[in-house]
Amino acid sequence: MRSYSIQFFSFISLASLCALGCGGGDTSPPAASIEAGAAGAAATTGSLAGSPVSVDADGMTAAYQRPQRESEPEVVLSTSYGDIKIRLNADKAPATVDNFLNNYLEPGQYDGTIFHYVAPGSMILGGAFTADLEANSTRSEIQSEAANGLKNVRGTIAMTRDPQYIHSATNQFFINLSDNPQLDHVEDDEEKYGYCVFGEVIAGMDVVDKIAAAPVKDKEGFPSLPVESVVIQSAKRIR
């Protein structure tokens, strides 16, 4: 397994910049970033069910207002801002869901970690660091399932990876605050392979939005770090 620097784990998104018209390599962010490899692609909307996503007043996405399948386990992230309920899609992303649940969530590896990067209108990023900004231990990198047809739309959860290596995701994940088509799979190369979506928030998007609105500061290796730690106090499977 390769050894990563702290910058690998503190990716920032270029989504908001590209929305303003920049190209994939037009900026030099202070830390490694999720590359907007498909920045020129036409914006699309969708959901884990393949239809446009909408969120009702309770934060339930319309795509999941239907009977649940056994291949859709549910987890709750209890954060210092409130609870976020997520339904995982093991049909479309079996290896990613297995990694998330069995390598990190079930052993308690997400308990006490933080959302270390927030970008209103783009994403919140977490799962890799403690409140002391110590990197959490990781297991082996997994094969990317970004080509599973699921899109980085508002409310979805996806895995972060090294932009230079397709199959490098470990424990870090992000929740999309808006539709981010530039993070979707387009082609089978590093720049356009995309980031694997493996589930969707079904309750608590108001909590996600509150986290995204938290005051932030820039710290070496950690741009857009919440001033007050946003802690995942516990992460538990409920179904």
Protein backbone atom coordinates (compact mmCIF):
# COMPACT_ATOMS: atom_id res chain seq x y z
CA MET A 1 0.00 0.00 0.00
CA ARG A 2 1.23 3.49 -0.81
CA SER A 3 1.95 5.95 1.96
CA TYR A 4 -0.09 9.15 1.73
CA SER A 5 0.72 12.58 3.05
CA ILE A 6 -1.78 14.60 5.04
CA GLN A 7 -2.64 16.44 1.84
CA PHE A 8 -4.10 13.27 0.33
CA PHE A 9 -6.68 13.19 3.05
CA SER A 10 -7.50 16.88 2.93
CA PHE A 11 -8.80 17.10 -0.64
CA ILE A 12 -10.72 20.18 -1.56
CA SER A 13 -13.34 20.29 -4.27
CA LEU A 14 -12.94 22.34 -7.42
CA ALA A 15 -16.65 21.99 -8.09
CA SER A 16 -17.59 25.54 -7.10
CA LEU A 17 -14.68 27.02 -9.04
CA CYS A 18 -15.53 25.06 -12.17
CA ALA A 19 -19.12 26.19 -11.89
CA LEU A 20 -17.71 29.68 -12.40
CA GLY A 21 -15.99 28.59 -15.58
CA CYS A 22 -12.49 27.43 -14.63
CA GLY A 23 -10.78 24.48 -16.27
CA GLY A 24 -9.58 21.35 -14.47
CA GLY A 25 -6.04 22.68 -14.06
CA ASP A 26 -6.57 26.43 -13.89
CA THR A 27 -6.07 26.79 -10.15
CA SER A 28 -3.43 25.76 -7.64
CA PRO A 29 -5.27 24.92 -4.41
CA PRO A 30 -3.31 24.82 -1.14
CA ALA A 31 -3.81 21.06 -0.80
CA ALA A 32 -4.46 18.06 -3.04
CA SER A 33 -7.92 18.18 -4.55
CA ILE A 34 -10.72 16.17 -6.03
CA GLU A 35 -10.01 16.84 -9.67
CA ALA A 36 -12.87 18.19 -11.74
CA GLY A 37 -11.92 15.89 -14.59
CA ALA A 38 -15.24 16.23 -16.36
CA ALA A 39 -15.65 19.96 -15.83
CA GLY A 40 -16.66 20.46 -19.42
CA ALA A 41 -19.41 17.86 -19.35
CA ALA A 42 -23.01 19.03 -19.50
CA ALA A 43 -24.68 19.28 -16.10
CA THR A 44 -26.96 16.37 -15.32
CA THR A 45 -29.32 15.49 -12.55
CA GLY A 46 -30.32 12.12 -11.28
CA SER A 47 -30.49 9.88 -8.26
CA LEU A 48 -29.65 6.44 -7.06
CA ALA A 49 -32.93 5.37 -8.58
CA GLY A 50 -32.12 7.05 -11.89
CA SER A 51 -34.61 9.92 -11.61
CA PRO A 52 -34.26 13.56 -10.51
CA VAL A 53 -33.61 13.99 -6.80
CA SER A 54 -35.89 16.11 -4.68
CA VAL A 55 -35.82 16.56 -0.93
CA ASP A 56 -38.94 17.06 1.16
CA ALA A 57 -39.23 19.09 4.35
CA ASP A 58 -38.00 16.18 6.46
CA GLY A 59 -34.88 15.71 4.36
CA MET A 60 -36.13 12.47 2.73
CA THR A 61 -35.07 12.18 -0.89
CA ALA A 62 -37.88 11.20 -3.22
CA ALA A 63 -35.78 8.39 -4.71
CA TYR A 64 -36.11 6.47 -1.46
CA GLN A 65 -39.77 6.95 -0.69
CA ARG A 66 -40.39 3.34 -1.69
CA PRO A 67 -40.07 -0.14 -0.15
CA GLN A 68 -36.54 -0.96 0.93
CA ARG A 69 -34.52 -3.87 -0.42
CA GLU A 70 -32.23 -6.07 1.69
CA SER A 71 -29.29 -4.73 -0.30
CA GLU A 72 -29.91 -1.24 1.08
CA PRO A 73 -28.57 -1.15 4.64
CA GLU A 74 -29.09 2.05 6.61
CA VAL A 75 -26.70 3.87 8.93
CA VAL A 76 -26.96 6.90 11.18
CA LEU A 77 -24.12 9.37 11.65
CA SER A 78 -24.78 11.09 14.98
CA THR A 79 -22.87 14.37 14.74
CA SER A 80 -22.42 17.35 17.01
CA TYR A 81 -24.90 19.13 14.71
CA GLY A 82 -27.53 16.35 14.68
CA ASP A 83 -28.24 13.00 13.03
CA ILE A 84 -27.77 12.11 9.37
CA LYS A 85 -29.51 8.96 8.14
CA ILE A 86 -28.02 7.33 5.07
CA ARG A 87 -29.22 4.45 2.93
CA LEU A 88 -26.46 2.51 1.16
CA ASN A 89 -26.72 0.89 -2.28
CA ALA A 90 -25.02 -2.50 -2.15
CA ASP A 91 -26.57 -3.49 -5.49
CA LYS A 92 -24.62 -0.83 -7.37
CA ALA A 93 -21.57 -0.50 -5.11
CA PRO A 94 -21.12 -3.81 -3.22
CA ALA A 95 -17.38 -3.54 -2.55
CA THR A 96 -17.64 0.10 -1.48
CA VAL A 97 -20.54 -0.55 0.89
CA ASP A 98 -18.71 -3.56 2.33
CA ASN A 99 -15.59 -1.43 2.90
CA PHE A 100 -17.57 1.41 4.50
CA LEU A 101 -19.51 -0.91 6.83
CA ASN A 102 -17.10 -3.69 7.70
CA ASN A 103 -13.72 -1.98 7.59
CA TYR A 104 -14.69 1.30 9.26
CA LEU A 105 -18.23 1.77 10.56
CA GLU A 106 -18.76 -1.55 12.39
CA PRO A 107 -15.33 -1.46 14.14
CA GLY A 108 -16.07 2.10 15.32
CA GLN A 109 -13.43 3.74 13.14
CA TYR A 110 -15.70 6.66 12.27
CA ASP A 111 -16.60 7.42 15.88
CA GLY A 112 -14.82 10.60 16.96
CA THR A 113 -13.81 11.63 13.44
CA ILE A 114 -14.73 15.02 12.00
CA PHE A 115 -15.92 16.74 8.86
CA HIS A 116 -12.64 18.48 8.09
CA TYR A 117 -13.62 20.35 4.92
CA VAL A 118 -16.88 22.11 4.15
CA ALA A 119 -17.79 24.01 0.99
CA PRO A 120 -21.30 25.50 0.80
CA GLY A 121 -22.95 24.51 -2.45
CA SER A 122 -20.43 21.75 -3.07
CA MET A 123 -19.73 19.13 -0.38
CA ILE A 124 -18.78 18.25 3.17
CA LEU A 125 -15.83 15.90 3.58
CA GLY A 126 -15.01 13.63 6.52
CA GLY A 127 -14.14 10.27 7.97
CA ALA A 128 -10.35 10.50 7.99
CA PHE A 129 -9.31 12.69 10.93
CA THR A 130 -9.96 13.08 14.63
CA ALA A 131 -10.75 16.44 16.25
CA ASP A 132 -7.01 16.73 16.96
CA LEU A 133 -6.41 16.43 13.19
CA GLU A 134 -4.73 13.09 13.64
CA ALA A 135 -5.16 10.75 10.67
CA ASN A 136 -7.24 7.69 11.48
CA SER A 137 -5.88 4.25 10.60
CA THR A 138 -6.91 2.81 7.24
CA ARG A 139 -7.28 -0.60 5.63
CA SER A 140 -6.31 -1.59 2.11
CA GLU A 141 -7.37 0.58 -0.80
CA ILE A 142 -10.42 -0.65 -2.69
CA GLN A 143 -11.35 -0.98 -6.34
CA SER A 144 -13.37 2.00 -7.51
CA GLU A 145 -16.98 1.36 -8.49
CA ALA A 146 -17.50 4.87 -9.86
CA ALA A 147 -18.66 3.39 -13.18
CA ASN A 148 -21.80 1.99 -11.51
CA GLY A 149 -24.13 4.58 -13.05
CA LEU A 150 -24.83 6.46 -9.81
CA LYS A 151 -24.39 10.23 -9.98
CA ASN A 152 -22.92 12.80 -7.60
CA VAL A 153 -26.17 14.66 -7.01
CA ARG A 154 -27.38 16.52 -3.94
CA GLY A 155 -27.71 14.25 -0.93
CA THR A 156 -25.55 11.41 -2.20
CA ILE A 157 -22.53 10.04 -0.34
CA ALA A 158 -19.37 9.12 -2.27
CA MET A 159 -15.84 7.95 -1.57
CA THR A 160 -12.80 10.18 -1.91
CA ARG A 161 -9.68 8.89 -3.66
CA ASP A 162 -6.26 10.12 -4.72
CA PRO A 163 -6.88 12.01 -8.00
CA GLN A 164 -3.81 10.29 -9.47
CA TYR A 165 -4.91 6.74 -8.63
CA ILE A 166 -8.35 5.41 -9.51
CA HIS A 167 -8.38 2.51 -7.04
CA SER A 168 -7.20 4.28 -3.89
CA ALA A 169 -10.25 4.97 -1.69
CA THR A 170 -9.99 3.97 1.96
CA ASN A 171 -12.01 5.64 4.73
CA GLN A 172 -12.71 9.19 3.56
CA PHE A 173 -16.12 10.13 2.16
CA PHE A 174 -18.08 13.21 1.14
CA ILE A 175 -21.73 14.21 0.99
CA ASN A 176 -22.77 16.25 -2.03
CA LEU A 177 -24.57 19.51 -1.25
CA SER A 178 -25.53 20.06 -4.89
CA ASP A 179 -25.38 18.24 -8.21
CA ASN A 180 -21.67 17.81 -9.02
CA PRO A 181 -21.55 16.20 -12.49
CA GLN A 182 -17.84 16.99 -12.82
CA LEU A 183 -17.24 14.29 -10.18
CA ASP A 184 -19.10 11.58 -12.10
CA HIS A 185 -17.55 8.73 -14.07
CA VAL A 186 -17.02 9.63 -17.74
CA GLU A 187 -14.10 7.56 -19.03
CA ASP A 188 -11.70 4.92 -17.73
CA ASP A 189 -8.74 7.18 -16.96
CA GLU A 190 -7.60 8.96 -13.80
CA GLU A 191 -8.93 12.40 -14.74
CA LYS A 192 -12.40 11.29 -15.81
CA TYR A 193 -13.02 8.11 -13.84
CA GLY A 194 -14.97 10.01 -11.20
CA TYR A 195 -15.82 9.32 -7.57
CA CYS A 196 -17.93 6.39 -6.45
CA VAL A 197 -21.42 7.15 -5.15
CA PHE A 198 -22.62 4.41 -2.81
CA GLY A 199 -25.62 5.78 -0.96
CA GLU A 200 -27.87 8.73 -0.25
CA VAL A 201 -29.03 10.77 2.72
CA ILE A 202 -32.67 9.92 3.44
CA ALA A 203 -33.09 12.10 6.54
CA GLY A 204 -31.05 14.93 8.01
CA MET A 205 -30.13 16.97 4.94
CA ASP A 206 -30.94 19.98 7.11
CA VAL A 207 -28.10 18.82 9.38
CA VAL A 208 -25.78 18.45 6.37
CA ASP A 209 -26.66 22.00 5.29
CA LYS A 210 -26.02 23.33 8.80
CA ILE A 211 -22.58 21.70 8.76
CA ALA A 212 -21.87 23.28 5.38
CA ALA A 213 -22.75 26.70 6.81
CA ALA A 214 -20.35 26.38 9.75
CA PRO A 215 -17.69 29.12 10.07
CA VAL A 216 -14.36 27.91 8.65
CA LYS A 217 -10.70 28.77 8.71
CA ASP A 218 -7.66 27.76 6.69
CA LYS A 219 -5.04 25.75 8.51
CA GLU A 220 -1.90 24.24 6.98
CA GLY A 221 -3.02 21.16 5.05
CA PHE A 222 -6.65 21.82 5.99
CA PRO A 223 -8.37 24.51 3.93
CA SER A 224 -11.97 25.34 4.85
CA LEU A 225 -11.72 23.57 8.21
CA PRO A 226 -14.67 24.28 10.54
CA VAL A 227 -13.60 26.62 13.34
CA GLU A 228 -15.49 24.47 15.82
CA SER A 229 -14.99 20.75 15.20
CA VAL A 230 -17.97 19.01 13.60
CA VAL A 231 -17.63 15.61 15.23
CA ILE A 232 -19.15 12.30 14.17
CA GLN A 233 -19.89 11.19 17.70
CA SER A 234 -21.05 7.76 16.58
CA ALA A 235 -21.71 5.93 13.32
CA LYS A 236 -24.04 2.96 13.61
CA ARG A 237 -25.84 0.58 11.31
CA ILE A 238 -29.56 0.52 12.10
CA ARG A 239 -30.69 -1.90 9.38
